[in-house]
Amino acid sequence: MTPLKITTRDSPAGPVVQIIGELDYTTAPELRDLLATLTLEPGRLLVLDLARMEFCDSSGISALIAARNHAQTARTDIALAAVPAHTLRVLRVVGLDQVFRLHPDIES
């Protein structure tokens, strides 16, 4: 089991949150707590960089949805970047690929 590590940085478009490790039942609250501390500005973009996320269960998916809801409340757009294949499959099965903007990497 890889412990969760979350880093944040600012970009010209808005905040970038990098999720490293396992986003699951025990660690998803960490993401939710961090989201509550982010200052999101209308018209900007919140990017979740998932390139190094190793595992995501239903609690992790719920935390991603919470991130989207937080962004919408702030009138900020959200994008998921570099979604791992196993998580992308789940997003497609439940239709969340139609809800989130998905990008193949952080640069795009």
N, C-alpha and C. Protein backbone atom coordinates (compact mmCIF):
# COMPACT_ATOMS: atom_id res chain seq x y z
N MET A 1 0.84 -1.19 0.00
CA MET A 1 0.00 0.00 0.00
C MET A 1 0.88 1.24 0.00
N THR A 2 0.64 2.12 -0.97
CA THR A 2 1.39 3.36 -1.06
C THR A 2 0.61 4.46 -0.36
N PRO A 3 1.23 5.11 0.63
CA PRO A 3 0.50 6.18 1.32
C PRO A 3 0.18 7.32 0.36
N LEU A 4 -0.89 8.01 0.67
CA LEU A 4 -1.32 9.14 -0.15
C LEU A 4 -0.45 10.35 0.13
N LYS A 5 -0.08 11.02 -0.94
CA LYS A 5 0.62 12.30 -0.82
C LYS A 5 -0.09 13.25 -1.78
N ILE A 6 -0.44 14.42 -1.29
CA ILE A 6 -1.11 15.42 -2.11
C ILE A 6 -0.27 16.69 -2.08
N THR A 7 0.04 17.20 -3.27
CA THR A 7 0.76 18.46 -3.36
C THR A 7 -0.09 19.44 -4.15
N THR A 8 0.11 20.70 -3.89
CA THR A 8 -0.60 21.74 -4.65
C THR A 8 0.41 22.76 -5.14
N ARG A 9 0.08 23.33 -6.27
CA ARG A 9 0.87 24.43 -6.80
C ARG A 9 -0.06 25.32 -7.62
N ASP A 10 0.36 26.54 -7.79
CA ASP A 10 -0.40 27.47 -8.62
C ASP A 10 0.13 27.43 -10.04
N SER A 11 -0.76 27.58 -10.98
CA SER A 11 -0.39 27.71 -12.38
C SER A 11 -1.12 28.95 -12.91
N PRO A 12 -0.75 29.42 -14.09
CA PRO A 12 -1.46 30.59 -14.63
C PRO A 12 -2.96 30.37 -14.77
N ALA A 13 -3.38 29.12 -15.00
CA ALA A 13 -4.81 28.82 -15.18
C ALA A 13 -5.55 28.65 -13.86
N GLY A 14 -4.81 28.29 -12.81
CA GLY A 14 -5.43 28.03 -11.51
C GLY A 14 -4.65 26.98 -10.75
N PRO A 15 -5.18 26.52 -9.62
CA PRO A 15 -4.46 25.55 -8.81
C PRO A 15 -4.36 24.17 -9.46
N VAL A 16 -3.22 23.52 -9.22
CA VAL A 16 -3.00 22.14 -9.67
C VAL A 16 -2.79 21.31 -8.42
N VAL A 17 -3.59 20.26 -8.28
CA VAL A 17 -3.49 19.35 -7.15
C VAL A 17 -2.98 18.02 -7.69
N GLN A 18 -1.81 17.60 -7.21
CA GLN A 18 -1.24 16.33 -7.64
C GLN A 18 -1.53 15.28 -6.57
N ILE A 19 -2.12 14.16 -7.02
CA ILE A 19 -2.47 13.07 -6.12
C ILE A 19 -1.53 11.91 -6.40
N ILE A 20 -0.78 11.51 -5.38
CA ILE A 20 0.22 10.47 -5.51
C ILE A 20 -0.14 9.34 -4.54
N GLY A 21 -0.15 8.10 -5.03
CA GLY A 21 -0.43 6.97 -4.16
C GLY A 21 -1.85 6.49 -4.30
N GLU A 22 -2.42 6.05 -3.19
CA GLU A 22 -3.74 5.41 -3.19
C GLU A 22 -4.81 6.34 -2.62
N LEU A 23 -5.83 6.57 -3.44
CA LEU A 23 -6.99 7.37 -3.02
C LEU A 23 -8.12 6.40 -2.73
N ASP A 24 -8.32 6.12 -1.45
CA ASP A 24 -9.28 5.10 -1.06
C ASP A 24 -10.05 5.53 0.19
N TYR A 25 -10.77 4.57 0.76
CA TYR A 25 -11.63 4.83 1.91
C TYR A 25 -10.89 5.54 3.04
N THR A 26 -9.65 5.14 3.30
CA THR A 26 -8.92 5.73 4.42
C THR A 26 -8.25 7.06 4.08
N THR A 27 -7.98 7.30 2.79
CA THR A 27 -7.24 8.51 2.42
C THR A 27 -8.10 9.59 1.74
N ALA A 28 -9.25 9.22 1.21
CA ALA A 28 -10.10 10.20 0.50
C ALA A 28 -10.44 11.42 1.36
N PRO A 29 -10.64 11.27 2.68
CA PRO A 29 -10.91 12.47 3.48
C PRO A 29 -9.79 13.51 3.42
N GLU A 30 -8.55 13.06 3.20
CA GLU A 30 -7.44 14.01 3.07
C GLU A 30 -7.65 14.94 1.88
N LEU A 31 -8.09 14.38 0.75
CA LEU A 31 -8.37 15.20 -0.42
C LEU A 31 -9.52 16.15 -0.15
N ARG A 32 -10.58 15.63 0.45
CA ARG A 32 -11.74 16.48 0.77
C ARG A 32 -11.33 17.64 1.68
N ASP A 33 -10.51 17.33 2.70
CA ASP A 33 -10.06 18.38 3.63
C ASP A 33 -9.22 19.43 2.92
N LEU A 34 -8.33 18.97 2.04
CA LEU A 34 -7.49 19.91 1.29
C LEU A 34 -8.34 20.81 0.40
N LEU A 35 -9.33 20.24 -0.26
CA LEU A 35 -10.19 21.03 -1.15
C LEU A 35 -10.84 22.18 -0.42
N ALA A 36 -11.22 21.95 0.83
CA ALA A 36 -11.88 22.99 1.61
C ALA A 36 -10.95 24.17 1.88
N THR A 37 -9.65 23.95 1.79
CA THR A 37 -8.69 25.03 2.06
C THR A 37 -8.29 25.80 0.80
N LEU A 38 -8.63 25.27 -0.38
CA LEU A 38 -8.25 25.92 -1.63
C LEU A 38 -9.13 27.13 -1.90
N THR A 39 -8.50 28.21 -2.30
CA THR A 39 -9.24 29.38 -2.74
C THR A 39 -9.40 29.28 -4.25
N LEU A 40 -10.62 29.10 -4.68
CA LEU A 40 -10.91 28.98 -6.11
C LEU A 40 -11.58 30.27 -6.58
N GLU A 41 -11.15 30.73 -7.74
CA GLU A 41 -11.69 31.98 -8.28
C GLU A 41 -12.54 31.69 -9.51
N PRO A 42 -13.66 32.39 -9.63
CA PRO A 42 -14.53 32.20 -10.80
C PRO A 42 -13.74 32.37 -12.11
N GLY A 43 -14.04 31.51 -13.05
CA GLY A 43 -13.40 31.60 -14.36
C GLY A 43 -12.04 30.94 -14.45
N ARG A 44 -11.52 30.44 -13.36
CA ARG A 44 -10.21 29.78 -13.37
C ARG A 44 -10.42 28.27 -13.50
N LEU A 45 -9.36 27.52 -13.44
CA LEU A 45 -9.41 26.08 -13.64
C LEU A 45 -8.71 25.36 -12.49
N LEU A 46 -9.37 24.40 -11.91
CA LEU A 46 -8.78 23.50 -10.92
C LEU A 46 -8.39 22.23 -11.67
N VAL A 47 -7.12 21.86 -11.60
CA VAL A 47 -6.64 20.66 -12.27
C VAL A 47 -6.23 19.64 -11.22
N LEU A 48 -6.74 18.43 -11.36
CA LEU A 48 -6.29 17.31 -10.53
C LEU A 48 -5.37 16.46 -11.39
N ASP A 49 -4.11 16.42 -11.02
CA ASP A 49 -3.09 15.65 -11.73
C ASP A 49 -3.05 14.25 -11.12
N LEU A 50 -3.51 13.27 -11.90
CA LEU A 50 -3.62 11.90 -11.39
C LEU A 50 -2.55 10.97 -11.94
N ALA A 51 -1.53 11.51 -12.56
CA ALA A 51 -0.50 10.70 -13.22
C ALA A 51 0.15 9.69 -12.28
N ARG A 52 0.28 10.04 -11.01
CA ARG A 52 0.96 9.14 -10.07
C ARG A 52 0.00 8.51 -9.06
N MET A 53 -1.30 8.59 -9.35
CA MET A 53 -2.28 7.93 -8.49
C MET A 53 -2.25 6.43 -8.83
N GLU A 54 -2.00 5.61 -7.86
CA GLU A 54 -1.83 4.18 -8.09
C GLU A 54 -3.12 3.37 -7.95
N PHE A 55 -4.07 3.87 -7.18
CA PHE A 55 -5.30 3.14 -6.92
C PHE A 55 -6.38 4.13 -6.55
N CYS A 56 -7.61 3.83 -6.95
CA CYS A 56 -8.74 4.69 -6.61
C CYS A 56 -9.97 3.80 -6.45
N ASP A 57 -10.54 3.77 -5.24
CA ASP A 57 -11.76 2.99 -5.03
C ASP A 57 -12.97 3.93 -5.09
N SER A 58 -14.13 3.43 -4.72
CA SER A 58 -15.35 4.24 -4.82
C SER A 58 -15.29 5.47 -3.92
N SER A 59 -14.61 5.39 -2.80
CA SER A 59 -14.45 6.57 -1.93
C SER A 59 -13.59 7.61 -2.62
N GLY A 60 -12.59 7.16 -3.36
CA GLY A 60 -11.76 8.08 -4.12
C GLY A 60 -12.55 8.75 -5.22
N ILE A 61 -13.38 7.97 -5.92
CA ILE A 61 -14.24 8.55 -6.97
C ILE A 61 -15.17 9.58 -6.34
N SER A 62 -15.69 9.27 -5.17
CA SER A 62 -16.55 10.22 -4.45
C SER A 62 -15.81 11.50 -4.13
N ALA A 63 -14.53 11.39 -3.76
CA ALA A 63 -13.73 12.58 -3.46
C ALA A 63 -13.50 13.41 -4.73
N LEU A 64 -13.34 12.75 -5.87
CA LEU A 64 -13.21 13.47 -7.14
C LEU A 64 -14.49 14.23 -7.46
N ILE A 65 -15.61 13.60 -7.20
CA ILE A 65 -16.91 14.26 -7.41
C ILE A 65 -17.06 15.44 -6.45
N ALA A 66 -16.59 15.27 -5.22
CA ALA A 66 -16.63 16.37 -4.25
C ALA A 66 -15.77 17.54 -4.74
N ALA A 67 -14.64 17.23 -5.37
CA ALA A 67 -13.79 18.28 -5.94
C ALA A 67 -14.54 19.03 -7.03
N ARG A 68 -15.25 18.29 -7.85
CA ARG A 68 -16.05 18.92 -8.92
C ARG A 68 -17.13 19.82 -8.32
N ASN A 69 -17.81 19.32 -7.30
CA ASN A 69 -18.86 20.11 -6.66
C ASN A 69 -18.30 21.38 -6.03
N HIS A 70 -17.13 21.25 -5.40
CA HIS A 70 -16.47 22.41 -4.79
C HIS A 70 -16.12 23.44 -5.86
N ALA A 71 -15.60 22.96 -6.98
CA ALA A 71 -15.25 23.86 -8.09
C ALA A 71 -16.50 24.55 -8.65
N GLN A 72 -17.56 23.79 -8.84
CA GLN A 72 -18.79 24.37 -9.37
C GLN A 72 -19.35 25.44 -8.45
N THR A 73 -19.30 25.19 -7.15
CA THR A 73 -19.78 26.17 -6.19
C THR A 73 -19.01 27.48 -6.31
N ALA A 74 -17.72 27.37 -6.60
CA ALA A 74 -16.87 28.55 -6.75
C ALA A 74 -16.90 29.11 -8.17
N ARG A 75 -17.73 28.51 -9.04
CA ARG A 75 -17.81 28.89 -10.46
C ARG A 75 -16.44 28.76 -11.14
N THR A 76 -15.75 27.69 -10.78
CA THR A 76 -14.45 27.35 -11.34
C THR A 76 -14.62 26.06 -12.12
N ASP A 77 -13.93 25.93 -13.23
CA ASP A 77 -13.97 24.68 -13.99
C ASP A 77 -12.98 23.70 -13.37
N ILE A 78 -13.14 22.42 -13.69
CA ILE A 78 -12.25 21.38 -13.16
C ILE A 78 -11.87 20.45 -14.30
N ALA A 79 -10.64 19.96 -14.25
CA ALA A 79 -10.16 19.00 -15.23
C ALA A 79 -9.34 17.93 -14.52
N LEU A 80 -9.43 16.71 -15.02
CA LEU A 80 -8.59 15.62 -14.55
C LEU A 80 -7.52 15.38 -15.59
N ALA A 81 -6.27 15.35 -15.17
CA ALA A 81 -5.16 15.15 -16.10
C ALA A 81 -4.46 13.84 -15.81
N ALA A 82 -4.06 13.16 -16.89
CA ALA A 82 -3.28 11.92 -16.80
C ALA A 82 -3.98 10.86 -15.94
N VAL A 83 -5.24 10.64 -16.22
CA VAL A 83 -6.02 9.66 -15.45
C VAL A 83 -5.49 8.26 -15.76
N PRO A 84 -5.10 7.49 -14.73
CA PRO A 84 -4.62 6.13 -14.97
C PRO A 84 -5.71 5.27 -15.63
N ALA A 85 -5.28 4.30 -16.42
CA ALA A 85 -6.21 3.47 -17.20
C ALA A 85 -7.27 2.81 -16.33
N HIS A 86 -6.89 2.29 -15.18
CA HIS A 86 -7.86 1.60 -14.32
C HIS A 86 -8.93 2.56 -13.81
N THR A 87 -8.55 3.79 -13.51
CA THR A 87 -9.53 4.78 -13.04
C THR A 87 -10.34 5.31 -14.21
N LEU A 88 -9.71 5.50 -15.35
CA LEU A 88 -10.44 5.96 -16.54
C LEU A 88 -11.54 4.98 -16.91
N ARG A 89 -11.25 3.70 -16.80
CA ARG A 89 -12.25 2.68 -17.09
C ARG A 89 -13.47 2.84 -16.19
N VAL A 90 -13.24 3.04 -14.91
CA VAL A 90 -14.34 3.23 -13.96
C VAL A 90 -15.12 4.50 -14.30
N LEU A 91 -14.42 5.58 -14.60
CA LEU A 91 -15.10 6.83 -14.96
C LEU A 91 -15.99 6.64 -16.17
N ARG A 92 -15.51 5.86 -17.14
CA ARG A 92 -16.31 5.61 -18.35
C ARG A 92 -17.52 4.73 -18.04
N VAL A 93 -17.34 3.71 -17.22
CA VAL A 93 -18.45 2.80 -16.90
C VAL A 93 -19.59 3.55 -16.22
N VAL A 94 -19.25 4.47 -15.31
CA VAL A 94 -20.31 5.17 -14.57
C VAL A 94 -20.71 6.51 -15.22
N GLY A 95 -20.11 6.82 -16.37
CA GLY A 95 -20.50 8.02 -17.10
C GLY A 95 -19.83 9.31 -16.65
N LEU A 96 -18.87 9.22 -15.75
CA LEU A 96 -18.21 10.43 -15.28
C LEU A 96 -17.22 11.00 -16.29
N ASP A 97 -16.90 10.23 -17.32
CA ASP A 97 -16.07 10.78 -18.39
C ASP A 97 -16.82 11.87 -19.16
N GLN A 98 -18.14 11.90 -19.00
CA GLN A 98 -18.97 12.93 -19.62
C GLN A 98 -19.14 14.14 -18.69
N VAL A 99 -18.74 13.99 -17.44
CA VAL A 99 -18.91 15.04 -16.44
C VAL A 99 -17.61 15.83 -16.25
N PHE A 100 -16.49 15.14 -16.24
CA PHE A 100 -15.19 15.76 -16.06
C PHE A 100 -14.54 16.06 -17.41
N ARG A 101 -13.81 17.16 -17.48
CA ARG A 101 -12.91 17.38 -18.61
C ARG A 101 -11.69 16.50 -18.37
N LEU A 102 -11.35 15.67 -19.33
CA LEU A 102 -10.22 14.76 -19.19
C LEU A 102 -9.12 15.16 -20.17
N HIS A 103 -7.90 15.18 -19.67
CA HIS A 103 -6.75 15.52 -20.50
C HIS A 103 -5.70 14.42 -20.36
N PRO A 104 -5.01 14.09 -21.44
CA PRO A 104 -4.05 12.99 -21.39
C PRO A 104 -2.84 13.27 -20.51
N ASP A 105 -2.51 14.54 -20.30
CA ASP A 105 -1.36 14.88 -19.46
C ASP A 105 -1.57 16.28 -18.87
N ILE A 106 -0.69 16.64 -17.98
CA ILE A 106 -0.83 17.92 -17.28
C ILE A 106 -0.58 19.10 -18.21
N GLU A 107 0.25 18.92 -19.23
CA GLU A 107 0.56 20.02 -20.14
C GLU A 107 -0.65 20.43 -20.98
N SER A 108 -1.49 19.48 -21.31
CA SER A 108 -2.65 19.81 -22.15
C SER A 108 -3.79 20.34 -21.33
